[in-house]
Amino acid sequence: MITELWKVNQNLVIKSISSFSKDWQKLNFHLIIDIIQNIPDSLVHFLNSEDFEFVFTLAIFASNKDLLNMETWLKEKLKPSPN
């Protein structure tokens, strides 16, 4: 069902999961990672969310599951934007 909703409205899925993460404890980020893994090619979209606390916590969990190279991702995120 989430995969079908993802196809229709990616932003809704990202914002909903991000919002729910505030109520769930960090222990449940494992569940969030499992959900994201079931949506093909979605991790990058979640990591570009505007909810920075959610994004960095998600990045840590994704890195721990070898889904993300944290060093490379951080270098890219911290790169100054071109003017």
PDB file of N, CA and C in Angstrom:
ATOM      1  N   MET A   1       0.811  -1.189   0.000  1.00  0.00           N
ATOM      2  CA  MET A   1       0.000   0.000   0.000  1.00  0.00           C
ATOM      3  C   MET A   1       0.861   1.263   0.000  1.00  0.00           C
ATOM      4  N   ILE A   2       1.920   1.272   0.801  1.00  0.00           N
ATOM      5  CA  ILE A   2       2.781   2.451   0.845  1.00  0.00           C
ATOM      6  C   ILE A   2       3.449   2.661  -0.509  1.00  0.00           C
ATOM      7  N   THR A   3       3.814   1.575  -1.163  1.00  0.00           N
ATOM      8  CA  THR A   3       4.434   1.693  -2.477  1.00  0.00           C
ATOM      9  C   THR A   3       3.479   2.352  -3.466  1.00  0.00           C
ATOM     10  N   GLU A   4       2.212   2.001  -3.394  1.00  0.00           N
ATOM     11  CA  GLU A   4       1.221   2.607  -4.296  1.00  0.00           C
ATOM     12  C   GLU A   4       1.043   4.089  -3.968  1.00  0.00           C
ATOM     13  N   LEU A   5       0.974   4.422  -2.692  1.00  0.00           N
ATOM     14  CA  LEU A   5       0.856   5.822  -2.284  1.00  0.00           C
ATOM     15  C   LEU A   5       2.093   6.606  -2.713  1.00  0.00           C
ATOM     16  N   TRP A   6       3.276   5.989  -2.619  1.00  0.00           N
ATOM     17  CA  TRP A   6       4.530   6.616  -3.045  1.00  0.00           C
ATOM     18  C   TRP A   6       4.447   7.023  -4.510  1.00  0.00           C
ATOM     19  N   LYS A   7       3.866   6.150  -5.321  1.00  0.00           N
ATOM     20  CA  LYS A   7       3.749   6.437  -6.758  1.00  0.00           C
ATOM     21  C   LYS A   7       2.849   7.644  -7.018  1.00  0.00           C
ATOM     22  N   VAL A   8       1.894   7.869  -6.121  1.00  0.00           N
ATOM     23  CA  VAL A   8       0.933   8.952  -6.301  1.00  0.00           C
ATOM     24  C   VAL A   8       1.420  10.254  -5.680  1.00  0.00           C
ATOM     25  N   ASN A   9       2.012  10.172  -4.472  1.00  0.00           N
ATOM     26  CA  ASN A   9       2.390  11.394  -3.766  1.00  0.00           C
ATOM     27  C   ASN A   9       3.582  11.142  -2.838  1.00  0.00           C
ATOM     28  N   GLN A  10       4.788  11.280  -3.363  1.00  0.00           N
ATOM     29  CA  GLN A  10       6.005  11.039  -2.586  1.00  0.00           C
ATOM     30  C   GLN A  10       6.109  11.981  -1.390  1.00  0.00           C
ATOM     31  N   ASN A  11       5.778  13.245  -1.591  1.00  0.00           N
ATOM     32  CA  ASN A  11       5.893  14.218  -0.498  1.00  0.00           C
ATOM     33  C   ASN A  11       4.996  13.860   0.673  1.00  0.00           C
ATOM     34  N   LEU A  12       3.816  13.364   0.412  1.00  0.00           N
ATOM     35  CA  LEU A  12       2.905  12.970   1.480  1.00  0.00           C
ATOM     36  C   LEU A  12       3.500  11.826   2.302  1.00  0.00           C
ATOM     37  N   VAL A  13       4.078  10.848   1.632  1.00  0.00           N
ATOM     38  CA  VAL A  13       4.683   9.714   2.329  1.00  0.00           C
ATOM     39  C   VAL A  13       5.853  10.187   3.186  1.00  0.00           C
ATOM     40  N   ILE A  14       6.710  11.011   2.615  1.00  0.00           N
ATOM     41  CA  ILE A  14       7.878  11.508   3.350  1.00  0.00           C
ATOM     42  C   ILE A  14       7.441  12.317   4.564  1.00  0.00           C
ATOM     43  N   LYS A  15       6.530  13.258   4.378  1.00  0.00           N
ATOM     44  CA  LYS A  15       6.087  14.094   5.490  1.00  0.00           C
ATOM     45  C   LYS A  15       5.359  13.279   6.547  1.00  0.00           C
ATOM     46  N   SER A  16       4.586  12.298   6.144  1.00  0.00           N
ATOM     47  CA  SER A  16       3.860  11.469   7.104  1.00  0.00           C
ATOM     48  C   SER A  16       4.817  10.644   7.956  1.00  0.00           C
ATOM     49  N   ILE A  17       5.759   9.992   7.314  1.00  0.00           N
ATOM     50  CA  ILE A  17       6.712   9.170   8.064  1.00  0.00           C
ATOM     51  C   ILE A  17       7.593  10.051   8.938  1.00  0.00           C
ATOM     52  N   SER A  18       7.999  11.188   8.417  1.00  0.00           N
ATOM     53  CA  SER A  18       8.787  12.129   9.207  1.00  0.00           C
ATOM     54  C   SER A  18       8.004  12.578  10.434  1.00  0.00           C
ATOM     55  N   SER A  19       6.744  12.893  10.249  1.00  0.00           N
ATOM     56  CA  SER A  19       5.895  13.334  11.345  1.00  0.00           C
ATOM     57  C   SER A  19       5.699  12.227  12.376  1.00  0.00           C
ATOM     58  N   PHE A  20       5.440  11.012  11.916  1.00  0.00           N
ATOM     59  CA  PHE A  20       5.269   9.896  12.840  1.00  0.00           C
ATOM     60  C   PHE A  20       6.540   9.619  13.618  1.00  0.00           C
ATOM     61  N   SER A  21       7.685   9.889  13.028  1.00  0.00           N
ATOM     62  CA  SER A  21       8.949   9.610  13.710  1.00  0.00           C
ATOM     63  C   SER A  21       9.096  10.435  14.980  1.00  0.00           C
ATOM     64  N   LYS A  22       8.417  11.560  15.047  1.00  0.00           N
ATOM     65  CA  LYS A  22       8.482  12.400  16.247  1.00  0.00           C
ATOM     66  C   LYS A  22       7.820  11.688  17.426  1.00  0.00           C
ATOM     67  N   ASP A  23       6.771  10.920  17.127  1.00  0.00           N
ATOM     68  CA  ASP A  23       6.053  10.202  18.169  1.00  0.00           C
ATOM     69  C   ASP A  23       6.718   8.865  18.489  1.00  0.00           C
ATOM     70  N   TRP A  24       7.332   8.271  17.488  1.00  0.00           N
ATOM     71  CA  TRP A  24       8.004   7.000  17.697  1.00  0.00           C
ATOM     72  C   TRP A  24       9.368   7.286  18.309  1.00  0.00           C
ATOM     73  N   GLN A  25       9.875   6.379  19.067  1.00  0.00           N
ATOM     74  CA  GLN A  25      11.220   6.544  19.615  1.00  0.00           C
ATOM     75  C   GLN A  25      12.238   6.058  18.584  1.00  0.00           C
ATOM     76  N   LYS A  26      13.499   6.363  18.813  1.00  0.00           N
ATOM     77  CA  LYS A  26      14.553   5.996  17.857  1.00  0.00           C
ATOM     78  C   LYS A  26      14.565   4.502  17.559  1.00  0.00           C
ATOM     79  N   LEU A  27      14.132   3.713  18.501  1.00  0.00           N
ATOM     80  CA  LEU A  27      14.073   2.273  18.290  1.00  0.00           C
ATOM     81  C   LEU A  27      13.267   1.943  17.042  1.00  0.00           C
ATOM     82  N   ASN A  28      12.260   2.738  16.762  1.00  0.00           N
ATOM     83  CA  ASN A  28      11.392   2.477  15.627  1.00  0.00           C
ATOM     84  C   ASN A  28      11.947   2.989  14.305  1.00  0.00           C
ATOM     85  N   PHE A  29      13.102   3.616  14.313  1.00  0.00           N
ATOM     86  CA  PHE A  29      13.720   3.995  13.044  1.00  0.00           C
ATOM     87  C   PHE A  29      14.115   2.753  12.255  1.00  0.00           C
ATOM     88  N   HIS A  30      14.290   1.646  12.946  1.00  0.00           N
ATOM     89  CA  HIS A  30      14.532   0.392  12.231  1.00  0.00           C
ATOM     90  C   HIS A  30      13.320   0.049  11.370  1.00  0.00           C
ATOM     91  N   LEU A  31      12.137   0.281  11.893  1.00  0.00           N
ATOM     92  CA  LEU A  31      10.914   0.055  11.131  1.00  0.00           C
ATOM     93  C   LEU A  31      10.817   1.025   9.965  1.00  0.00           C
ATOM     94  N   ILE A  32      11.177   2.280  10.192  1.00  0.00           N
ATOM     95  CA  ILE A  32      11.147   3.279   9.119  1.00  0.00           C
ATOM     96  C   ILE A  32      12.096   2.869   7.998  1.00  0.00           C
ATOM     97  N   ILE A  33      13.286   2.405   8.346  1.00  0.00           N
ATOM     98  CA  ILE A  33      14.247   1.938   7.338  1.00  0.00           C
ATOM     99  C   ILE A  33      13.650   0.769   6.565  1.00  0.00           C
ATOM    100  N   ASP A  34      12.984  -0.151   7.256  1.00  0.00           N
ATOM    101  CA  ASP A  34      12.354  -1.288   6.570  1.00  0.00           C
ATOM    102  C   ASP A  34      11.296  -0.813   5.584  1.00  0.00           C
ATOM    103  N   ILE A  35      10.499   0.167   5.985  1.00  0.00           N
ATOM    104  CA  ILE A  35       9.470   0.711   5.098  1.00  0.00           C
ATOM    105  C   ILE A  35      10.120   1.340   3.870  1.00  0.00           C
ATOM    106  N   ILE A  36      11.144   2.137   4.094  1.00  0.00           N
ATOM    107  CA  ILE A  36      11.828   2.815   2.990  1.00  0.00           C
ATOM    108  C   ILE A  36      12.463   1.804   2.036  1.00  0.00           C
ATOM    109  N   GLN A  37      13.008   0.736   2.582  1.00  0.00           N
ATOM    110  CA  GLN A  37      13.620  -0.282   1.727  1.00  0.00           C
ATOM    111  C   GLN A  37      12.583  -0.960   0.830  1.00  0.00           C
ATOM    112  N   ASN A  38      11.328  -0.946   1.234  1.00  0.00           N
ATOM    113  CA  ASN A  38      10.276  -1.560   0.423  1.00  0.00           C
ATOM    114  C   ASN A  38       9.767  -0.632  -0.671  1.00  0.00           C
ATOM    115  N   ILE A  39      10.220   0.612  -0.659  1.00  0.00           N
ATOM    116  CA  ILE A  39       9.845   1.568  -1.704  1.00  0.00           C
ATOM    117  C   ILE A  39      11.101   1.800  -2.556  1.00  0.00           C
ATOM    118  N   PRO A  40      11.142   1.245  -3.745  1.00  0.00           N
ATOM    119  CA  PRO A  40      12.354   1.338  -4.571  1.00  0.00           C
ATOM    120  C   PRO A  40      12.832   2.778  -4.763  1.00  0.00           C
ATOM    121  N   ASP A  41      14.121   2.960  -4.606  1.00  0.00           N
ATOM    122  CA  ASP A  41      14.797   4.234  -4.868  1.00  0.00           C
ATOM    123  C   ASP A  41      14.235   5.414  -4.069  1.00  0.00           C
ATOM    124  N   SER A  42      13.724   5.166  -2.876  1.00  0.00           N
ATOM    125  CA  SER A  42      13.105   6.249  -2.102  1.00  0.00           C
ATOM    126  C   SER A  42      14.029   6.888  -1.067  1.00  0.00           C
ATOM    127  N   LEU A  43      15.088   6.199  -0.677  1.00  0.00           N
ATOM    128  CA  LEU A  43      15.942   6.718   0.393  1.00  0.00           C
ATOM    129  C   LEU A  43      16.453   8.116   0.082  1.00  0.00           C
ATOM    130  N   VAL A  44      16.906   8.351  -1.121  1.00  0.00           N
ATOM    131  CA  VAL A  44      17.439   9.663  -1.493  1.00  0.00           C
ATOM    132  C   VAL A  44      16.376  10.751  -1.332  1.00  0.00           C
ATOM    133  N   HIS A  45      15.140  10.439  -1.627  1.00  0.00           N
ATOM    134  CA  HIS A  45      14.052  11.419  -1.470  1.00  0.00           C
ATOM    135  C   HIS A  45      13.821  11.735   0.003  1.00  0.00           C
ATOM    136  N   PHE A  46      13.839  10.700   0.827  1.00  0.00           N
ATOM    137  CA  PHE A  46      13.672  10.915   2.264  1.00  0.00           C
ATOM    138  C   PHE A  46      14.831  11.742   2.825  1.00  0.00           C
ATOM    139  N   LEU A  47      16.025  11.481   2.338  1.00  0.00           N
ATOM    140  CA  LEU A  47      17.208  12.200   2.831  1.00  0.00           C
ATOM    141  C   LEU A  47      17.258  13.644   2.335  1.00  0.00           C
ATOM    142  N   ASN A  48      16.383  14.000   1.411  1.00  0.00           N
ATOM    143  CA  ASN A  48      16.302  15.380   0.948  1.00  0.00           C
ATOM    144  C   ASN A  48      15.126  16.123   1.576  1.00  0.00           C
ATOM    145  N   SER A  49      14.493  15.500   2.548  1.00  0.00           N
ATOM    146  CA  SER A  49      13.372  16.123   3.258  1.00  0.00           C
ATOM    147  C   SER A  49      13.855  17.382   3.982  1.00  0.00           C
ATOM    148  N   GLU A  50      12.932  18.266   4.288  1.00  0.00           N
ATOM    149  CA  GLU A  50      13.277  19.512   4.979  1.00  0.00           C
ATOM    150  C   GLU A  50      13.333  19.354   6.492  1.00  0.00           C
ATOM    151  N   ASP A  51      12.937  18.203   7.008  1.00  0.00           N
ATOM    152  CA  ASP A  51      12.952  17.940   8.453  1.00  0.00           C
ATOM    153  C   ASP A  51      14.346  17.428   8.828  1.00  0.00           C
ATOM    154  N   PHE A  52      15.225  18.352   9.190  1.00  0.00           N
ATOM    155  CA  PHE A  52      16.635  18.020   9.377  1.00  0.00           C
ATOM    156  C   PHE A  52      16.879  17.013  10.496  1.00  0.00           C
ATOM    157  N   GLU A  53      16.135  17.110  11.575  1.00  0.00           N
ATOM    158  CA  GLU A  53      16.305  16.137  12.664  1.00  0.00           C
ATOM    159  C   GLU A  53      15.974  14.732  12.166  1.00  0.00           C
ATOM    160  N   PHE A  54      14.877  14.617  11.450  1.00  0.00           N
ATOM    161  CA  PHE A  54      14.483  13.333  10.867  1.00  0.00           C
ATOM    162  C   PHE A  54      15.536  12.841   9.886  1.00  0.00           C
ATOM    163  N   VAL A  55      15.995  13.720   9.011  1.00  0.00           N
ATOM    164  CA  VAL A  55      16.964  13.347   7.977  1.00  0.00           C
ATOM    165  C   VAL A  55      18.265  12.824   8.591  1.00  0.00           C
ATOM    166  N   PHE A  56      18.797  13.514   9.576  1.00  0.00           N
ATOM    167  CA  PHE A  56      20.071  13.082  10.155  1.00  0.00           C
ATOM    168  C   PHE A  56      19.925  11.790  10.953  1.00  0.00           C
ATOM    169  N   THR A  57      18.810  11.629  11.647  1.00  0.00           N
ATOM    170  CA  THR A  57      18.584  10.368  12.355  1.00  0.00           C
ATOM    171  C   THR A  57      18.424   9.231  11.359  1.00  0.00           C
ATOM    172  N   LEU A  58      17.673   9.481  10.298  1.00  0.00           N
ATOM    173  CA  LEU A  58      17.501   8.485   9.253  1.00  0.00           C
ATOM    174  C   LEU A  58      18.835   8.133   8.604  1.00  0.00           C
ATOM    175  N   ALA A  59      19.660   9.135   8.350  1.00  0.00           N
ATOM    176  CA  ALA A  59      20.975   8.898   7.744  1.00  0.00           C
ATOM    177  C   ALA A  59      21.837   8.008   8.636  1.00  0.00           C
ATOM    178  N   ILE A  60      21.785   8.233   9.924  1.00  0.00           N
ATOM    179  CA  ILE A  60      22.564   7.401  10.859  1.00  0.00           C
ATOM    180  C   ILE A  60      22.100   5.955  10.779  1.00  0.00           C
ATOM    181  N   PHE A  61      20.793   5.737  10.819  1.00  0.00           N
ATOM    182  CA  PHE A  61      20.273   4.374  10.758  1.00  0.00           C
ATOM    183  C   PHE A  61      20.545   3.735   9.395  1.00  0.00           C
ATOM    184  N   ALA A  62      20.420   4.501   8.323  1.00  0.00           N
ATOM    185  CA  ALA A  62      20.701   3.979   6.989  1.00  0.00           C
ATOM    186  C   ALA A  62      22.173   3.607   6.859  1.00  0.00           C
ATOM    187  N   SER A  63      23.025   4.415   7.429  1.00  0.00           N
ATOM    188  CA  SER A  63      24.456   4.129   7.406  1.00  0.00           C
ATOM    189  C   SER A  63      24.769   2.854   8.194  1.00  0.00           C
ATOM    190  N   ASN A  64      24.116   2.693   9.337  1.00  0.00           N
ATOM    191  CA  ASN A  64      24.332   1.496  10.148  1.00  0.00           C
ATOM    192  C   ASN A  64      23.882   0.226   9.433  1.00  0.00           C
ATOM    193  N   LYS A  65      22.939   0.351   8.513  1.00  0.00           N
ATOM    194  CA  LYS A  65      22.466  -0.805   7.737  1.00  0.00           C
ATOM    195  C   LYS A  65      23.186  -0.895   6.388  1.00  0.00           C
ATOM    196  N   ASP A  66      24.253  -0.119   6.228  1.00  0.00           N
ATOM    197  CA  ASP A  66      25.032  -0.089   4.982  1.00  0.00           C
ATOM    198  C   ASP A  66      24.199   0.298   3.766  1.00  0.00           C
ATOM    199  N   LEU A  67      23.220   1.158   3.977  1.00  0.00           N
ATOM    200  CA  LEU A  67      22.413   1.679   2.873  1.00  0.00           C
ATOM    201  C   LEU A  67      22.905   3.048   2.428  1.00  0.00           C
ATOM    202  N   LEU A  68      23.827   3.612   3.201  1.00  0.00           N
ATOM    203  CA  LEU A  68      24.303   4.967   2.938  1.00  0.00           C
ATOM    204  C   LEU A  68      25.745   5.076   3.401  1.00  0.00           C
ATOM    205  N   ASN A  69      26.581   5.698   2.581  1.00  0.00           N
ATOM    206  CA  ASN A  69      27.946   6.010   2.996  1.00  0.00           C
ATOM    207  C   ASN A  69      27.879   7.380   3.671  1.00  0.00           C
ATOM    208  N   MET A  70      27.928   7.380   4.992  1.00  0.00           N
ATOM    209  CA  MET A  70      27.716   8.599   5.771  1.00  0.00           C
ATOM    210  C   MET A  70      28.742   9.675   5.434  1.00  0.00           C
ATOM    211  N   GLU A  71      29.992   9.303   5.283  1.00  0.00           N
ATOM    212  CA  GLU A  71      31.037  10.287   5.002  1.00  0.00           C
ATOM    213  C   GLU A  71      30.783  10.997   3.665  1.00  0.00           C
ATOM    214  N   THR A  72      30.486  10.226   2.646  1.00  0.00           N
ATOM    215  CA  THR A  72      30.209  10.802   1.326  1.00  0.00           C
ATOM    216  C   THR A  72      28.962  11.676   1.373  1.00  0.00           C
ATOM    217  N   TRP A  73      27.920  11.185   2.035  1.00  0.00           N
ATOM    218  CA  TRP A  73      26.655  11.920   2.128  1.00  0.00           C
ATOM    219  C   TRP A  73      26.854  13.246   2.855  1.00  0.00           C
ATOM    220  N   LEU A  74      27.591  13.218   3.980  1.00  0.00           N
ATOM    221  CA  LEU A  74      27.833  14.453   4.737  1.00  0.00           C
ATOM    222  C   LEU A  74      28.654  15.455   3.932  1.00  0.00           C
ATOM    223  N   LYS A  75      29.668  14.967   3.237  1.00  0.00           N
ATOM    224  CA  LYS A  75      30.474  15.875   2.409  1.00  0.00           C
ATOM    225  C   LYS A  75      29.604  16.566   1.370  1.00  0.00           C
ATOM    226  N   GLU A  76      28.704  15.814   0.774  1.00  0.00           N
ATOM    227  CA  GLU A  76      27.810  16.382  -0.238  1.00  0.00           C
ATOM    228  C   GLU A  76      26.848  17.393   0.393  1.00  0.00           C
ATOM    229  N   LYS A  77      26.310  17.056   1.550  1.00  0.00           N
ATOM    230  CA  LYS A  77      25.358  17.945   2.226  1.00  0.00           C
ATOM    231  C   LYS A  77      26.016  19.225   2.724  1.00  0.00           C
ATOM    232  N   LEU A  78      27.266  19.152   3.114  1.00  0.00           N
ATOM    233  CA  LEU A  78      27.966  20.297   3.687  1.00  0.00           C
ATOM    234  C   LEU A  78      28.690  21.133   2.635  1.00  0.00           C
ATOM    235  N   LYS A  79      28.630  20.695   1.408  1.00  0.00           N
ATOM    236  CA  LYS A  79      29.254  21.418   0.311  1.00  0.00           C
ATOM    237  C   LYS A  79      28.532  22.757   0.126  1.00  0.00           C
ATOM    238  N   PRO A  80      29.291  23.843   0.023  1.00  0.00           N
ATOM    239  CA  PRO A  80      28.634  25.144  -0.194  1.00  0.00           C
ATOM    240  C   PRO A  80      27.839  25.155  -1.499  1.00  0.00           C
ATOM    241  N   SER A  81      26.676  25.757  -1.460  1.00  0.00           N
ATOM    242  CA  SER A  81      25.879  25.818  -2.677  1.00  0.00           C
ATOM    243  C   SER A  81      26.439  26.907  -3.589  1.00  0.00           C
ATOM    244  N   PRO A  82      26.399  26.664  -4.900  1.00  0.00           N
ATOM    245  CA  PRO A  82      26.936  27.650  -5.845  1.00  0.00           C
ATOM    246  C   PRO A  82      26.055  28.910  -5.831  1.00  0.00           C
ATOM    247  N   ASN A  83      26.692  30.057  -5.944  1.00  0.00           N
ATOM    248  CA  ASN A  83      25.949  31.323  -5.928  1.00  0.00           C
ATOM    249  C   ASN A  83      25.553  31.737  -7.298  1.00  0.00           C
TER     250      ASN A  83
END
